[in-house]
Protein backbone atom coordinates (compact mmCIF):
# COMPACT_ATOMS: atom_id res chain seq x y z
CA MET A 1 29.74 -28.48 -193.95
CA SER A 2 29.05 -27.31 -197.44
CA GLU A 3 26.58 -28.92 -199.80
CA ILE A 4 29.34 -29.97 -202.19
CA ILE A 5 31.26 -31.83 -199.47
CA ASP A 6 28.03 -33.48 -198.33
CA ALA A 7 27.35 -34.59 -201.91
CA ALA A 8 30.91 -35.87 -202.35
CA ARG A 9 30.76 -37.84 -199.11
CA LYS A 10 27.35 -39.25 -200.00
CA HIS A 11 28.66 -40.38 -203.39
CA PHE A 12 31.70 -42.10 -201.86
CA GLN A 13 29.52 -43.80 -199.26
CA SER A 14 27.26 -45.08 -202.04
CA GLU A 15 30.35 -46.56 -203.72
CA LEU A 16 31.35 -48.22 -200.43
CA ASP A 17 27.80 -49.55 -200.00
CA LYS A 18 28.10 -51.48 -203.28
CA GLY A 19 30.34 -53.93 -201.43
CA LEU A 20 33.81 -55.25 -201.99
CA GLY A 21 35.40 -55.80 -205.36
CA CYS A 22 36.73 -59.32 -205.80
CA TYR A 23 39.40 -61.05 -207.87
CA GLU A 24 40.07 -64.77 -207.81
CA VAL A 25 43.80 -65.43 -207.76
CA LYS A 26 43.77 -68.89 -209.28
CA GLU A 27 47.51 -69.30 -208.85
CA TRP A 28 47.11 -68.91 -205.08
CA GLY A 29 43.72 -70.59 -204.70
CA GLN A 30 42.53 -67.41 -202.96
CA LYS A 31 40.24 -64.46 -203.53
CA ILE A 32 41.39 -60.89 -202.98
CA TYR A 33 38.84 -58.22 -202.10
CA TRP A 34 39.03 -54.43 -202.02
CA LYS A 35 37.03 -51.27 -201.40
CA PRO A 36 36.96 -48.17 -203.57
CA GLU A 37 40.24 -46.32 -203.32
CA THR A 38 40.54 -43.30 -201.05
CA MET A 39 42.58 -40.30 -202.09
CA ASP A 40 45.09 -41.08 -199.32
CA GLN A 41 45.58 -44.60 -200.71
CA LYS A 42 45.97 -43.18 -204.21
CA ARG A 43 48.60 -40.72 -202.92
CA ARG A 44 50.59 -43.50 -201.25
CA ILE A 45 50.44 -45.71 -204.34
CA LEU A 46 51.44 -42.90 -206.71
CA GLU A 47 54.40 -42.00 -204.49
CA LYS A 48 55.67 -45.56 -204.89
CA TYR A 49 54.97 -45.55 -208.65
CA ARG A 50 57.26 -42.52 -208.91
CA GLU A 51 60.04 -44.69 -207.48
CA SER A 52 59.26 -47.64 -209.76
CA GLU A 53 56.28 -49.34 -211.36
CA ALA A 54 56.98 -52.52 -209.40
CA LEU A 55 56.87 -50.66 -206.08
CA GLY A 56 53.62 -48.98 -207.15
CA VAL A 57 51.99 -52.31 -207.93
CA ILE A 58 53.13 -53.73 -204.61
CA GLU A 59 51.91 -50.68 -202.69
CA CYS A 60 48.52 -50.99 -204.39
CA VAL A 61 48.24 -54.61 -203.25
CA ILE A 62 49.49 -53.84 -199.74
CA VAL A 63 47.13 -50.94 -199.06
CA ARG A 64 44.04 -52.27 -200.84
CA ALA A 65 43.98 -56.09 -200.61
CA LEU A 66 41.41 -57.33 -198.10
CA ASP A 67 39.95 -60.65 -197.02
CA SER A 68 36.22 -61.34 -197.35
CA GLU A 69 35.66 -59.71 -193.93
CA GLY A 70 37.32 -56.47 -195.06
CA LYS A 71 40.56 -56.97 -193.11
CA ARG A 72 43.90 -56.11 -194.69
CA LEU A 73 45.79 -59.09 -196.05
CA PHE A 74 49.24 -57.50 -196.20
CA LYS A 75 51.32 -55.19 -194.05
CA SER A 76 54.20 -52.91 -194.98
CA PHE A 77 56.71 -55.49 -193.76
CA ASP A 78 55.42 -57.86 -196.51
CA ARG A 79 56.83 -55.50 -199.17
CA ASN A 80 60.19 -57.28 -199.44
CA ASP A 81 58.55 -60.71 -199.80
CA LEU A 82 56.14 -59.39 -202.43
CA LEU A 83 59.02 -57.76 -204.29
CA ASN A 84 61.37 -60.75 -204.25
CA ASN A 85 59.43 -63.95 -203.58
CA VAL A 86 56.09 -63.59 -205.38
CA ASP A 87 55.20 -63.87 -209.09
CA GLY A 88 55.15 -60.29 -210.38
CA ASP A 89 52.62 -61.11 -213.10
CA VAL A 90 50.13 -62.23 -210.45
CA LEU A 91 50.63 -59.00 -208.51
CA VAL A 92 50.11 -56.95 -211.68
CA ASN A 93 46.90 -58.87 -212.40
CA ILE A 94 45.61 -58.15 -208.89
CA ALA A 95 46.45 -54.44 -209.13
CA ASP A 96 44.87 -54.25 -212.60
CA ALA A 97 41.66 -55.82 -211.27
CA MET A 98 41.58 -53.33 -208.40
CA ASN A 99 41.98 -50.42 -210.79
CA THR A 100 39.43 -51.53 -213.38
CA LYS A 101 35.81 -50.66 -212.74
CA PRO A 102 33.42 -53.34 -213.97
CA ASP A 103 30.91 -52.20 -216.57
CA THR A 104 28.00 -53.78 -214.74
CA VAL A 105 27.19 -55.48 -211.46
CA GLU A 106 27.12 -58.78 -213.36
CA ASP A 107 30.70 -58.18 -214.57
CA ALA A 108 31.81 -57.62 -210.97
CA LYS A 109 30.13 -60.86 -209.88
CA LYS A 110 32.05 -62.82 -212.54
CA ASN A 111 35.26 -62.15 -210.61
């Protein structure tokens, strides 16, 4: 392996080591967690965004939303429910939180 790949992997691992991001979904009485986004996740999300913004938001939530143990909360078969039976504003808020880096560790803890 090259030094640059080693450095890139080390950096990503340090991001993972910071722990899960968290957003409290007050409307659901739940917290949603996530890890830093991988390039494969980004690719999948962007493919859906090309179809429509709504599908991109839903894909973001499906592929990134975790419980406090780091287990996925949603599966692909939840897409139709998320698209038709869930408040879109809440989904947008979750996706926005996942895609916004906190300025400080204290900012992250506020969520």
